N, C-alpha and C. Protein backbone atom coordinates (compact mmCIF):
# COMPACT_ATOMS: atom_id res chain seq x y z
N MET A 1 -114.42 26.39 104.27
CA MET A 1 -114.98 27.68 104.68
C MET A 1 -116.35 27.47 105.32
N ASN A 2 -116.58 28.11 106.46
CA ASN A 2 -117.89 28.02 107.08
C ASN A 2 -118.79 29.14 106.55
N TYR A 3 -120.02 29.16 107.00
CA TYR A 3 -121.00 30.12 106.48
C TYR A 3 -120.53 31.57 106.63
N ASN A 4 -120.08 31.94 107.82
CA ASN A 4 -119.65 33.33 108.05
C ASN A 4 -118.47 33.71 107.18
N ASP A 5 -117.56 32.75 106.99
CA ASP A 5 -116.40 33.01 106.13
C ASP A 5 -116.86 33.30 104.70
N VAL A 6 -117.81 32.50 104.23
CA VAL A 6 -118.29 32.66 102.85
C VAL A 6 -119.02 33.99 102.68
N ILE A 7 -119.87 34.33 103.63
CA ILE A 7 -120.60 35.60 103.54
C ILE A 7 -119.63 36.78 103.54
N ASN A 8 -118.63 36.71 104.40
CA ASN A 8 -117.63 37.78 104.43
C ASN A 8 -116.86 37.85 103.12
N GLN A 9 -116.58 36.68 102.55
CA GLN A 9 -115.89 36.63 101.26
C GLN A 9 -116.74 37.28 100.17
N LEU A 10 -118.02 36.96 100.18
CA LEU A 10 -118.93 37.53 99.18
C LEU A 10 -119.02 39.05 99.32
N LYS A 11 -119.10 39.51 100.53
CA LYS A 11 -119.19 40.96 100.75
C LYS A 11 -117.92 41.66 100.29
N SER A 12 -116.79 40.98 100.45
CA SER A 12 -115.52 41.58 100.00
C SER A 12 -115.43 41.61 98.47
N MET A 13 -116.22 40.76 97.81
CA MET A 13 -116.23 40.69 96.34
C MET A 13 -117.32 41.57 95.74
N SER A 14 -118.05 42.25 96.59
CA SER A 14 -119.19 43.07 96.14
C SER A 14 -118.78 44.11 95.09
N GLU A 15 -119.62 44.23 94.07
CA GLU A 15 -119.39 45.21 93.00
C GLU A 15 -120.69 45.97 92.75
N PRO A 16 -121.00 46.94 93.61
CA PRO A 16 -122.26 47.68 93.54
C PRO A 16 -122.55 48.29 92.18
N LYS A 17 -121.49 48.68 91.48
CA LYS A 17 -121.69 49.32 90.17
C LYS A 17 -122.31 48.36 89.15
N ASN A 18 -122.16 47.06 89.40
CA ASN A 18 -122.71 46.07 88.46
C ASN A 18 -124.21 45.88 88.63
N VAL A 19 -124.73 46.23 89.80
CA VAL A 19 -126.14 45.96 90.10
C VAL A 19 -127.08 46.69 89.14
N GLU A 20 -126.76 47.94 88.86
CA GLU A 20 -127.60 48.72 87.95
C GLU A 20 -127.63 48.09 86.56
N GLY A 21 -126.47 47.64 86.11
CA GLY A 21 -126.40 47.01 84.79
C GLY A 21 -127.19 45.71 84.76
N MET A 22 -127.11 44.94 85.84
CA MET A 22 -127.86 43.70 85.93
C MET A 22 -129.36 43.96 85.87
N ALA A 23 -129.77 45.04 86.55
CA ALA A 23 -131.19 45.38 86.60
C ALA A 23 -131.73 45.66 85.20
N ARG A 24 -130.89 46.22 84.35
CA ARG A 24 -131.32 46.51 82.98
C ARG A 24 -131.61 45.23 82.21
N TYR A 25 -131.03 44.14 82.65
CA TYR A 25 -131.27 42.84 82.01
C TYR A 25 -132.32 42.02 82.78
N GLY A 26 -133.03 42.68 83.66
CA GLY A 26 -134.13 42.02 84.36
C GLY A 26 -133.73 41.25 85.60
N ILE A 27 -132.48 41.39 86.03
CA ILE A 27 -132.02 40.71 87.24
C ILE A 27 -132.39 41.57 88.45
N ASN A 28 -133.03 40.95 89.42
CA ASN A 28 -133.51 41.67 90.60
C ASN A 28 -132.35 42.32 91.37
N PRO A 29 -132.40 43.64 91.56
CA PRO A 29 -131.31 44.33 92.27
C PRO A 29 -131.40 44.20 93.79
N LYS A 30 -132.52 43.69 94.30
CA LYS A 30 -132.71 43.59 95.76
C LYS A 30 -131.72 42.59 96.36
N ASN A 31 -131.04 43.01 97.43
CA ASN A 31 -130.06 42.16 98.13
C ASN A 31 -129.01 41.59 97.17
N ASN A 32 -128.67 42.38 96.16
CA ASN A 32 -127.73 41.93 95.14
C ASN A 32 -126.38 42.62 95.33
N LEU A 33 -125.33 41.82 95.46
CA LEU A 33 -123.98 42.37 95.66
C LEU A 33 -123.28 42.68 94.35
N GLY A 34 -123.89 42.26 93.24
CA GLY A 34 -123.33 42.57 91.93
C GLY A 34 -122.14 41.72 91.52
N ILE A 35 -121.99 40.54 92.11
CA ILE A 35 -120.86 39.67 91.80
C ILE A 35 -121.14 38.86 90.53
N SER A 36 -120.22 38.88 89.61
CA SER A 36 -120.36 38.14 88.36
C SER A 36 -120.42 36.64 88.62
N ILE A 37 -121.23 35.95 87.84
CA ILE A 37 -121.33 34.50 87.97
C ILE A 37 -119.99 33.84 87.65
N TYR A 38 -119.19 34.52 86.85
CA TYR A 38 -117.88 33.98 86.47
C TYR A 38 -116.87 34.07 87.62
N LYS A 39 -117.24 34.79 88.66
CA LYS A 39 -116.42 34.83 89.88
C LYS A 39 -117.01 33.92 90.94
N LEU A 40 -118.32 33.72 90.87
CA LEU A 40 -118.98 32.84 91.85
C LEU A 40 -118.66 31.37 91.59
N ARG A 41 -118.60 30.99 90.34
CA ARG A 41 -118.32 29.58 90.02
C ARG A 41 -116.94 29.12 90.51
N PRO A 42 -115.88 29.89 90.31
CA PRO A 42 -114.57 29.49 90.84
C PRO A 42 -114.58 29.41 92.37
N LEU A 43 -115.32 30.31 93.01
CA LEU A 43 -115.42 30.27 94.47
C LEU A 43 -116.13 28.99 94.90
N ALA A 44 -117.18 28.62 94.18
CA ALA A 44 -117.92 27.39 94.49
C ALA A 44 -117.02 26.17 94.34
N LYS A 45 -116.20 26.19 93.32
CA LYS A 45 -115.27 25.07 93.09
C LYS A 45 -114.27 24.96 94.24
N LYS A 46 -113.83 26.11 94.74
CA LYS A 46 -112.89 26.14 95.86
C LYS A 46 -113.54 25.60 97.13
N ILE A 47 -114.80 25.95 97.34
CA ILE A 47 -115.53 25.51 98.53
C ILE A 47 -115.84 24.02 98.47
N GLY A 48 -116.28 23.56 97.29
CA GLY A 48 -116.67 22.16 97.14
C GLY A 48 -118.14 21.96 97.49
N LYS A 49 -118.63 20.76 97.28
CA LYS A 49 -120.04 20.46 97.57
C LYS A 49 -120.27 20.41 99.08
N ASN A 50 -121.34 21.10 99.49
CA ASN A 50 -121.63 21.17 100.93
C ASN A 50 -123.12 21.47 101.11
N HIS A 51 -123.88 20.43 101.39
CA HIS A 51 -125.33 20.55 101.49
C HIS A 51 -125.76 21.52 102.59
N ASN A 52 -125.24 21.38 103.78
CA ASN A 52 -125.64 22.24 104.90
C ASN A 52 -125.30 23.70 104.64
N LEU A 53 -124.13 23.93 104.07
CA LEU A 53 -123.73 25.30 103.74
C LEU A 53 -124.66 25.87 102.67
N SER A 54 -125.01 25.05 101.72
CA SER A 54 -125.91 25.49 100.65
C SER A 54 -127.24 25.99 101.22
N LEU A 55 -127.80 25.23 102.14
CA LEU A 55 -129.07 25.62 102.75
C LEU A 55 -128.96 26.95 103.48
N LYS A 56 -127.86 27.14 104.20
CA LYS A 56 -127.66 28.38 104.94
C LYS A 56 -127.48 29.57 103.99
N LEU A 57 -126.74 29.34 102.93
CA LEU A 57 -126.52 30.42 101.96
C LEU A 57 -127.84 30.82 101.30
N TRP A 58 -128.65 29.84 100.98
CA TRP A 58 -129.95 30.16 100.37
C TRP A 58 -130.80 30.97 101.34
N ASN A 59 -130.83 30.55 102.57
CA ASN A 59 -131.68 31.22 103.57
C ASN A 59 -131.20 32.63 103.92
N SER A 60 -130.00 32.99 103.50
CA SER A 60 -129.49 34.34 103.76
C SER A 60 -130.31 35.39 103.01
N GLY A 61 -130.92 34.97 101.89
CA GLY A 61 -131.70 35.91 101.09
C GLY A 61 -130.86 36.79 100.19
N ILE A 62 -129.54 36.65 100.26
CA ILE A 62 -128.65 37.45 99.42
C ILE A 62 -128.60 36.82 98.02
N HIS A 63 -128.85 37.63 97.02
CA HIS A 63 -128.91 37.15 95.64
C HIS A 63 -127.69 36.32 95.25
N ASP A 64 -126.51 36.86 95.50
CA ASP A 64 -125.26 36.20 95.12
C ASP A 64 -125.04 34.93 95.94
N ALA A 65 -125.45 34.95 97.19
CA ALA A 65 -125.31 33.78 98.06
C ALA A 65 -126.22 32.65 97.58
N ARG A 66 -127.36 33.01 97.05
CA ARG A 66 -128.28 31.99 96.53
C ARG A 66 -127.72 31.34 95.27
N LEU A 67 -127.09 32.13 94.45
CA LEU A 67 -126.43 31.54 93.27
C LEU A 67 -125.33 30.59 93.72
N LEU A 68 -124.55 31.02 94.70
CA LEU A 68 -123.47 30.18 95.22
C LEU A 68 -124.05 28.92 95.85
N ALA A 69 -125.19 29.04 96.51
CA ALA A 69 -125.85 27.89 97.13
C ALA A 69 -126.17 26.83 96.09
N VAL A 70 -126.60 27.28 94.92
CA VAL A 70 -126.90 26.35 93.82
C VAL A 70 -125.65 25.60 93.40
N PHE A 71 -124.55 26.32 93.31
CA PHE A 71 -123.31 25.73 92.80
C PHE A 71 -122.62 24.79 93.79
N VAL A 72 -122.83 24.98 95.09
CA VAL A 72 -122.17 24.11 96.07
C VAL A 72 -123.08 22.99 96.56
N GLU A 73 -124.35 23.03 96.15
CA GLU A 73 -125.28 21.99 96.58
C GLU A 73 -124.99 20.67 95.87
N ASN A 74 -125.27 19.58 96.58
CA ASN A 74 -125.10 18.24 96.03
C ASN A 74 -126.45 17.75 95.53
N PRO A 75 -126.61 17.52 94.22
CA PRO A 75 -127.90 17.11 93.66
C PRO A 75 -128.50 15.89 94.34
N SER A 76 -127.66 14.97 94.78
CA SER A 76 -128.16 13.74 95.39
C SER A 76 -128.79 13.97 96.76
N GLN A 77 -128.51 15.13 97.36
CA GLN A 77 -129.05 15.43 98.68
C GLN A 77 -130.25 16.37 98.64
N VAL A 78 -130.61 16.81 97.45
CA VAL A 78 -131.74 17.73 97.29
C VAL A 78 -133.05 16.96 97.39
N THR A 79 -133.94 17.42 98.24
CA THR A 79 -135.24 16.79 98.42
C THR A 79 -136.31 17.55 97.63
N GLU A 80 -137.47 16.91 97.46
CA GLU A 80 -138.58 17.58 96.79
C GLU A 80 -139.01 18.80 97.60
N LYS A 81 -139.02 18.65 98.91
CA LYS A 81 -139.42 19.76 99.79
C LYS A 81 -138.50 20.95 99.59
N GLN A 82 -137.21 20.69 99.48
CA GLN A 82 -136.26 21.77 99.26
C GLN A 82 -136.51 22.45 97.91
N MET A 83 -136.76 21.65 96.89
CA MET A 83 -137.02 22.22 95.57
C MET A 83 -138.26 23.11 95.59
N ASP A 84 -139.31 22.65 96.24
CA ASP A 84 -140.54 23.43 96.32
C ASP A 84 -140.31 24.73 97.09
N SER A 85 -139.54 24.63 98.17
CA SER A 85 -139.26 25.80 98.99
C SER A 85 -138.44 26.84 98.22
N TRP A 86 -137.41 26.38 97.54
CA TRP A 86 -136.57 27.30 96.78
C TRP A 86 -137.35 27.92 95.63
N ALA A 87 -138.18 27.12 94.97
CA ALA A 87 -138.96 27.63 93.85
C ALA A 87 -139.87 28.78 94.29
N LYS A 88 -140.43 28.66 95.47
CA LYS A 88 -141.29 29.73 96.00
C LYS A 88 -140.50 31.01 96.23
N ASP A 89 -139.20 30.86 96.48
CA ASP A 89 -138.34 32.03 96.74
C ASP A 89 -137.84 32.71 95.47
N PHE A 90 -137.98 32.06 94.33
CA PHE A 90 -137.45 32.64 93.09
C PHE A 90 -138.03 34.04 92.86
N ASP A 91 -137.14 35.01 92.70
CA ASP A 91 -137.58 36.37 92.43
C ASP A 91 -136.74 37.04 91.35
N SER A 92 -135.95 36.22 90.65
CA SER A 92 -135.11 36.73 89.58
C SER A 92 -134.83 35.59 88.59
N TRP A 93 -134.89 35.91 87.31
CA TRP A 93 -134.77 34.84 86.32
C TRP A 93 -133.41 34.13 86.37
N ASP A 94 -132.36 34.85 86.73
CA ASP A 94 -131.04 34.22 86.72
C ASP A 94 -130.89 33.18 87.82
N VAL A 95 -131.42 33.48 89.00
CA VAL A 95 -131.37 32.49 90.09
C VAL A 95 -132.24 31.29 89.74
N CYS A 96 -133.41 31.56 89.19
CA CYS A 96 -134.31 30.49 88.77
C CYS A 96 -133.61 29.57 87.76
N ASP A 97 -133.03 30.16 86.74
CA ASP A 97 -132.43 29.35 85.67
C ASP A 97 -131.19 28.59 86.13
N GLN A 98 -130.36 29.22 86.96
CA GLN A 98 -129.19 28.51 87.45
C GLN A 98 -129.58 27.35 88.35
N ALA A 99 -130.60 27.58 89.20
CA ALA A 99 -131.06 26.49 90.07
C ALA A 99 -131.61 25.33 89.25
N CYS A 100 -132.30 25.67 88.17
CA CYS A 100 -132.96 24.63 87.37
C CYS A 100 -132.03 23.90 86.41
N THR A 101 -131.02 24.59 85.88
CA THR A 101 -130.15 23.96 84.89
C THR A 101 -128.77 23.57 85.41
N SER A 102 -128.47 23.95 86.66
CA SER A 102 -127.19 23.56 87.25
C SER A 102 -127.37 22.66 88.46
N LEU A 103 -128.65 22.44 88.86
CA LEU A 103 -128.91 21.65 90.06
C LEU A 103 -130.17 20.80 89.95
N PHE A 104 -131.33 21.43 89.85
CA PHE A 104 -132.59 20.69 89.88
C PHE A 104 -132.69 19.64 88.79
N ASP A 105 -132.18 19.95 87.60
CA ASP A 105 -132.27 19.00 86.50
C ASP A 105 -131.37 17.78 86.70
N LEU A 106 -130.50 17.84 87.70
CA LEU A 106 -129.59 16.74 88.00
C LEU A 106 -130.11 15.86 89.15
N THR A 107 -131.25 16.25 89.72
CA THR A 107 -131.81 15.51 90.85
C THR A 107 -132.76 14.42 90.35
N PRO A 108 -133.09 13.44 91.20
CA PRO A 108 -134.03 12.38 90.81
C PRO A 108 -135.47 12.88 90.68
N HIS A 109 -135.72 14.12 91.14
CA HIS A 109 -137.08 14.65 91.17
C HIS A 109 -137.39 15.57 89.99
N ALA A 110 -136.43 15.74 89.09
CA ALA A 110 -136.56 16.73 88.03
C ALA A 110 -137.81 16.56 87.17
N TRP A 111 -138.01 15.36 86.63
CA TRP A 111 -139.13 15.14 85.73
C TRP A 111 -140.47 15.35 86.43
N LYS A 112 -140.55 14.92 87.67
CA LYS A 112 -141.79 15.08 88.43
C LYS A 112 -142.12 16.55 88.62
N LYS A 113 -141.11 17.34 88.94
CA LYS A 113 -141.33 18.76 89.19
C LYS A 113 -141.73 19.51 87.91
N VAL A 114 -141.26 19.05 86.78
CA VAL A 114 -141.67 19.67 85.52
C VAL A 114 -143.19 19.66 85.40
N TYR A 115 -143.77 18.49 85.60
CA TYR A 115 -145.22 18.35 85.45
C TYR A 115 -145.98 19.08 86.56
N GLU A 116 -145.44 19.08 87.75
CA GLU A 116 -146.10 19.77 88.86
C GLU A 116 -146.07 21.29 88.66
N TRP A 117 -144.89 21.81 88.37
CA TRP A 117 -144.72 23.26 88.32
C TRP A 117 -145.31 23.88 87.05
N ALA A 118 -145.43 23.11 85.99
CA ALA A 118 -146.01 23.65 84.76
C ALA A 118 -147.47 24.03 84.96
N ASN A 119 -148.09 23.49 86.00
CA ASN A 119 -149.49 23.79 86.31
C ASN A 119 -149.65 24.93 87.31
N ARG A 120 -148.54 25.45 87.79
CA ARG A 120 -148.60 26.50 88.82
C ARG A 120 -148.84 27.87 88.18
N ASP A 121 -149.38 28.79 88.96
CA ASP A 121 -149.69 30.13 88.47
C ASP A 121 -148.53 31.10 88.63
N GLU A 122 -147.70 30.90 89.67
CA GLU A 122 -146.60 31.85 89.92
C GLU A 122 -145.64 31.88 88.73
N GLU A 123 -145.32 33.10 88.30
CA GLU A 123 -144.52 33.26 87.07
C GLU A 123 -143.18 32.53 87.13
N PHE A 124 -142.44 32.69 88.23
CA PHE A 124 -141.12 32.07 88.28
C PHE A 124 -141.17 30.57 88.56
N VAL A 125 -142.22 30.12 89.22
CA VAL A 125 -142.36 28.67 89.45
C VAL A 125 -142.69 27.99 88.12
N LYS A 126 -143.58 28.61 87.35
CA LYS A 126 -143.90 28.05 86.04
C LYS A 126 -142.68 28.12 85.13
N ARG A 127 -141.95 29.22 85.19
CA ARG A 127 -140.72 29.33 84.39
C ARG A 127 -139.77 28.19 84.75
N ALA A 128 -139.70 27.89 86.06
CA ALA A 128 -138.79 26.85 86.53
C ALA A 128 -139.07 25.51 85.85
N ALA A 129 -140.35 25.20 85.63
CA ALA A 129 -140.69 23.93 84.98
C ALA A 129 -140.03 23.83 83.61
N PHE A 130 -140.11 24.90 82.85
CA PHE A 130 -139.57 24.88 81.50
C PHE A 130 -138.05 25.08 81.46
N SER A 131 -137.52 25.74 82.47
CA SER A 131 -136.06 25.84 82.59
C SER A 131 -135.47 24.46 82.88
N ILE A 132 -136.16 23.68 83.70
CA ILE A 132 -135.69 22.32 83.98
C ILE A 132 -135.71 21.49 82.70
N ILE A 133 -136.76 21.65 81.89
CA ILE A 133 -136.82 20.92 80.61
C ILE A 133 -135.61 21.28 79.75
N ALA A 134 -135.30 22.58 79.70
CA ALA A 134 -134.15 23.03 78.92
C ALA A 134 -132.87 22.36 79.42
N GLY A 135 -132.77 22.22 80.75
CA GLY A 135 -131.60 21.57 81.34
C GLY A 135 -131.57 20.08 81.08
N LEU A 136 -132.71 19.44 81.22
CA LEU A 136 -132.80 17.99 80.98
C LEU A 136 -132.43 17.64 79.54
N ALA A 137 -132.84 18.48 78.62
CA ALA A 137 -132.57 18.22 77.20
C ALA A 137 -131.06 18.17 76.92
N VAL A 138 -130.31 18.87 77.76
CA VAL A 138 -128.84 18.90 77.61
C VAL A 138 -128.17 17.85 78.48
N HIS A 139 -128.63 17.70 79.71
CA HIS A 139 -127.90 16.90 80.69
C HIS A 139 -128.37 15.45 80.87
N ASP A 140 -129.64 15.17 80.59
CA ASP A 140 -130.13 13.80 80.79
C ASP A 140 -129.88 12.98 79.53
N LYS A 141 -128.66 12.51 79.39
CA LYS A 141 -128.23 11.80 78.18
C LYS A 141 -128.95 10.47 77.99
N LYS A 142 -129.42 9.88 79.09
CA LYS A 142 -130.01 8.54 79.02
C LYS A 142 -131.52 8.55 78.76
N ALA A 143 -132.14 9.71 78.87
CA ALA A 143 -133.60 9.79 78.70
C ALA A 143 -134.01 9.44 77.28
N ALA A 144 -135.04 8.62 77.16
CA ALA A 144 -135.55 8.23 75.84
C ALA A 144 -136.28 9.39 75.18
N ASP A 145 -136.30 9.40 73.87
CA ASP A 145 -136.96 10.48 73.13
C ASP A 145 -138.42 10.65 73.54
N ILE A 146 -139.08 9.54 73.82
CA ILE A 146 -140.51 9.58 74.15
C ILE A 146 -140.78 10.47 75.37
N LYS A 147 -139.83 10.51 76.30
CA LYS A 147 -140.02 11.34 77.49
C LYS A 147 -140.09 12.82 77.11
N PHE A 148 -139.30 13.21 76.12
CA PHE A 148 -139.33 14.60 75.66
C PHE A 148 -140.54 14.86 74.77
N GLU A 149 -140.91 13.87 73.99
CA GLU A 149 -142.09 14.02 73.12
C GLU A 149 -143.35 14.25 73.96
N GLU A 150 -143.40 13.60 75.11
CA GLU A 150 -144.57 13.75 75.99
C GLU A 150 -144.67 15.16 76.57
N LEU A 151 -143.56 15.90 76.55
CA LEU A 151 -143.55 17.26 77.07
C LEU A 151 -144.16 18.26 76.08
N PHE A 152 -144.30 17.86 74.82
CA PHE A 152 -144.85 18.77 73.82
C PHE A 152 -146.26 19.22 74.19
N ILE A 153 -146.99 18.37 74.89
CA ILE A 153 -148.36 18.70 75.29
C ILE A 153 -148.39 19.91 76.20
N ILE A 154 -147.52 19.90 77.23
CA ILE A 154 -147.54 21.04 78.15
C ILE A 154 -146.87 22.27 77.54
N ILE A 155 -145.91 22.04 76.65
CA ILE A 155 -145.27 23.18 75.97
C ILE A 155 -146.30 23.90 75.11
N LYS A 156 -147.08 23.13 74.38
CA LYS A 156 -148.12 23.72 73.53
C LYS A 156 -149.18 24.41 74.39
N ARG A 157 -149.55 23.78 75.48
CA ARG A 157 -150.58 24.34 76.36
C ARG A 157 -150.16 25.67 76.96
N GLU A 158 -148.91 25.77 77.38
CA GLU A 158 -148.46 26.97 78.07
C GLU A 158 -147.89 28.03 77.13
N ALA A 159 -147.88 27.76 75.84
CA ALA A 159 -147.35 28.72 74.87
C ALA A 159 -148.19 29.99 74.79
N THR A 160 -149.39 29.95 75.32
CA THR A 160 -150.26 31.13 75.29
C THR A 160 -150.05 32.04 76.50
N ASP A 161 -149.21 31.63 77.43
CA ASP A 161 -148.93 32.47 78.60
C ASP A 161 -148.06 33.64 78.15
N GLY A 162 -148.62 34.82 78.19
CA GLY A 162 -147.92 35.99 77.66
C GLY A 162 -146.91 36.63 78.60
N ARG A 163 -146.79 36.11 79.81
CA ARG A 163 -145.82 36.69 80.73
C ARG A 163 -144.40 36.44 80.23
N ASN A 164 -143.62 37.48 80.25
CA ASN A 164 -142.30 37.46 79.64
C ASN A 164 -141.42 36.30 80.08
N TYR A 165 -141.34 36.08 81.40
CA TYR A 165 -140.43 35.06 81.89
C TYR A 165 -140.95 33.63 81.65
N VAL A 166 -142.24 33.50 81.42
CA VAL A 166 -142.79 32.19 81.10
C VAL A 166 -142.59 31.88 79.62
N LYS A 167 -143.00 32.80 78.77
CA LYS A 167 -142.94 32.52 77.33
C LYS A 167 -141.49 32.30 76.85
N LYS A 168 -140.55 33.02 77.46
CA LYS A 168 -139.14 32.83 77.07
C LYS A 168 -138.63 31.46 77.49
N ALA A 169 -139.11 30.97 78.63
CA ALA A 169 -138.69 29.64 79.09
C ALA A 169 -139.35 28.54 78.27
N VAL A 170 -140.60 28.73 77.89
CA VAL A 170 -141.28 27.76 77.02
C VAL A 170 -140.54 27.66 75.70
N ASN A 171 -140.17 28.79 75.17
CA ASN A 171 -139.39 28.85 73.94
C ASN A 171 -138.06 28.12 74.09
N TRP A 172 -137.38 28.39 75.18
CA TRP A 172 -136.07 27.78 75.48
C TRP A 172 -136.19 26.26 75.57
N ALA A 173 -137.22 25.81 76.25
CA ALA A 173 -137.43 24.37 76.43
C ALA A 173 -137.61 23.67 75.08
N LEU A 174 -138.47 24.23 74.23
CA LEU A 174 -138.73 23.61 72.94
C LEU A 174 -137.50 23.65 72.04
N ARG A 175 -136.76 24.74 72.06
CA ARG A 175 -135.54 24.83 71.27
C ARG A 175 -134.50 23.79 71.71
N ASN A 176 -134.34 23.63 73.01
CA ASN A 176 -133.34 22.68 73.49
C ASN A 176 -133.71 21.23 73.18
N ILE A 177 -135.00 20.92 73.26
CA ILE A 177 -135.42 19.57 72.87
C ILE A 177 -135.11 19.35 71.40
N GLY A 178 -135.35 20.36 70.60
CA GLY A 178 -135.11 20.25 69.16
C GLY A 178 -133.66 20.18 68.76
N LYS A 179 -132.77 20.45 69.69
CA LYS A 179 -131.33 20.37 69.41
C LYS A 179 -130.75 19.03 69.86
N ARG A 180 -131.58 18.20 70.46
CA ARG A 180 -131.09 16.96 71.06
C ARG A 180 -130.67 15.94 70.01
N ASN A 181 -131.49 15.73 69.01
CA ASN A 181 -131.17 14.81 67.91
C ASN A 181 -132.09 15.10 66.73
N LEU A 182 -131.84 14.42 65.62
CA LEU A 182 -132.59 14.70 64.40
C LEU A 182 -134.07 14.40 64.53
N GLY A 183 -134.41 13.29 65.18
CA GLY A 183 -135.81 12.93 65.34
C GLY A 183 -136.57 13.95 66.15
N LEU A 184 -135.99 14.36 67.28
CA LEU A 184 -136.66 15.35 68.12
C LEU A 184 -136.64 16.73 67.47
N ASN A 185 -135.66 17.00 66.64
CA ASN A 185 -135.60 18.26 65.92
C ASN A 185 -136.83 18.39 65.02
N LYS A 186 -137.12 17.35 64.27
CA LYS A 186 -138.27 17.38 63.37
C LYS A 186 -139.59 17.51 64.14
N LYS A 187 -139.69 16.78 65.25
CA LYS A 187 -140.92 16.82 66.04
C LYS A 187 -141.10 18.15 66.76
N ALA A 188 -139.98 18.74 67.17
CA ALA A 188 -140.06 20.05 67.82
C ALA A 188 -140.49 21.12 66.82
N ILE A 189 -139.99 21.02 65.61
CA ILE A 189 -140.38 21.96 64.55
C ILE A 189 -141.86 21.81 64.22
N ASN A 190 -142.32 20.57 64.14
CA ASN A 190 -143.75 20.32 63.87
C ASN A 190 -144.62 20.87 65.00
N THR A 191 -144.13 20.71 66.25
CA THR A 191 -144.87 21.25 67.40
C THR A 191 -144.94 22.77 67.31
N ALA A 192 -143.83 23.37 66.92
CA ALA A 192 -143.80 24.83 66.77
C ALA A 192 -144.79 25.28 65.69
N LYS A 193 -144.90 24.51 64.63
CA LYS A 193 -145.85 24.86 63.56
C LYS A 193 -147.29 24.77 64.07
N GLU A 194 -147.54 23.81 64.96
CA GLU A 194 -148.88 23.68 65.55
C GLU A 194 -149.16 24.87 66.47
N ILE A 195 -148.12 25.25 67.23
CA ILE A 195 -148.25 26.38 68.15
C ILE A 195 -148.51 27.68 67.38
N LYS A 196 -147.91 27.80 66.22
CA LYS A 196 -148.06 29.01 65.41
C LYS A 196 -149.50 29.25 64.99
N LYS A 197 -150.28 28.18 64.91
CA LYS A 197 -151.68 28.29 64.49
C LYS A 197 -152.59 28.81 65.61
N ILE A 198 -152.08 28.82 66.83
CA ILE A 198 -152.87 29.29 67.97
C ILE A 198 -153.04 30.81 67.90
N ASP A 199 -154.22 31.28 68.21
CA ASP A 199 -154.50 32.72 68.17
C ASP A 199 -153.97 33.38 69.44
N SER A 200 -152.68 33.58 69.47
CA SER A 200 -152.02 34.16 70.64
C SER A 200 -150.69 34.78 70.19
N LYS A 201 -150.45 36.03 70.59
CA LYS A 201 -149.20 36.70 70.23
C LYS A 201 -148.00 35.96 70.81
N SER A 202 -148.16 35.51 72.05
CA SER A 202 -147.08 34.78 72.71
C SER A 202 -146.77 33.49 71.96
N ALA A 203 -147.80 32.75 71.59
CA ALA A 203 -147.61 31.48 70.89
C ALA A 203 -146.92 31.70 69.55
N LYS A 204 -147.34 32.71 68.83
CA LYS A 204 -146.75 32.98 67.52
C LYS A 204 -145.29 33.42 67.65
N TRP A 205 -144.99 34.20 68.71
CA TRP A 205 -143.60 34.62 68.92
C TRP A 205 -142.73 33.40 69.21
N ILE A 206 -143.21 32.53 70.09
CA ILE A 206 -142.48 31.31 70.44
C ILE A 206 -142.25 30.46 69.19
N ALA A 207 -143.32 30.23 68.44
CA ALA A 207 -143.24 29.37 67.26
C ALA A 207 -142.25 29.90 66.23
N ASN A 208 -142.35 31.18 65.91
CA ASN A 208 -141.47 31.76 64.90
C ASN A 208 -140.00 31.68 65.30
N ASP A 209 -139.74 31.95 66.57
CA ASP A 209 -138.36 31.91 67.06
C ASP A 209 -137.80 30.49 67.05
N VAL A 210 -138.62 29.53 67.46
CA VAL A 210 -138.19 28.13 67.48
C VAL A 210 -137.92 27.64 66.07
N ILE A 211 -138.84 27.89 65.16
CA ILE A 211 -138.69 27.44 63.78
C ILE A 211 -137.45 28.06 63.14
N ARG A 212 -137.25 29.35 63.38
CA ARG A 212 -136.09 30.03 62.81
C ARG A 212 -134.78 29.39 63.27
N GLU A 213 -134.68 29.09 64.56
CA GLU A 213 -133.42 28.52 65.05
C GLU A 213 -133.25 27.06 64.67
N LEU A 214 -134.29 26.25 64.87
CA LEU A 214 -134.15 24.81 64.65
C LEU A 214 -134.02 24.42 63.18
N THR A 215 -134.44 25.30 62.27
CA THR A 215 -134.28 25.01 60.85
C THR A 215 -133.02 25.66 60.28
N SER A 216 -132.31 26.41 61.09
CA SER A 216 -131.11 27.10 60.61
C SER A 216 -130.02 26.10 60.20
N SER A 217 -129.20 26.50 59.27
CA SER A 217 -128.14 25.62 58.78
C SER A 217 -127.16 25.27 59.90
N LYS A 218 -126.95 26.21 60.80
CA LYS A 218 -126.02 25.98 61.92
C LYS A 218 -126.49 24.83 62.79
N ILE A 219 -127.77 24.84 63.18
CA ILE A 219 -128.31 23.79 64.04
C ILE A 219 -128.44 22.48 63.28
N GLN A 220 -128.87 22.53 62.04
CA GLN A 220 -129.02 21.32 61.25
C GLN A 220 -127.67 20.61 61.07
N GLU A 221 -126.64 21.39 60.85
CA GLU A 221 -125.30 20.82 60.68
C GLU A 221 -124.80 20.21 61.99
N ARG A 222 -125.07 20.90 63.10
CA ARG A 222 -124.64 20.40 64.40
C ARG A 222 -125.31 19.06 64.73
N ILE A 223 -126.59 18.96 64.44
CA ILE A 223 -127.32 17.72 64.73
C ILE A 223 -126.82 16.59 63.85
N LYS A 224 -126.58 16.86 62.60
CA LYS A 224 -126.09 15.83 61.69
C LYS A 224 -124.70 15.35 62.09
N ASN A 225 -123.90 16.25 62.62
CA ASN A 225 -122.57 15.86 63.10
C ASN A 225 -122.63 14.95 64.31
N LYS A 226 -123.73 15.05 65.07
CA LYS A 226 -123.91 14.14 66.22
C LYS A 226 -124.09 12.70 65.75
N ILE A 227 -124.69 12.56 64.60
CA ILE A 227 -124.97 11.24 64.04
C ILE A 227 -123.70 10.60 63.52
N ASN A 228 -122.88 11.43 62.87
CA ASN A 228 -121.64 10.91 62.23
C ASN A 228 -120.54 10.61 63.25
């Protein structure tokens, strides 16, 4: 399928009634066709990986086309420049998170961008740094524990950012690291306890939520089963 074919396909799949519901969950309704991600993924699989098509779909500015762009992009062809450009375009948490956990975290530039973007002021760019961490914790099977332990510094530092989309991503990043294995689970919990001592509503919310989940019997059992 070429670009025009895909855009026409997306428009034929449009579900305007879904846009209002998405907006209630914080998804940007602008240029949104209301197509469920569960319909976009099968379409992406049918199309296959296509770098040039991905770039064109992203540049369309259509919310659903950008999600599809993430799914058809080839991680090995993604450049740092492309990542920076797309990050600047993030205007909805769902596009940000899908780009970071279905694509960016699979590129050779993922770890570098975490450190770069965690220092940025833009809400969605900073969120992207921690969304990538959440993705790396799941997908980078070969990464040594020390690489994740080194991230605790920036997680603790940014835990005071009270912006909704940042604090939720910081929380997500720390929780996912803590689910990786028993050693990181204990260190993530200890980091959360340190964060809890910070005089910040955001930090305390993050800490309490992380501690509650990572100490739960469900997560503890899951981690122990990884060992056995």
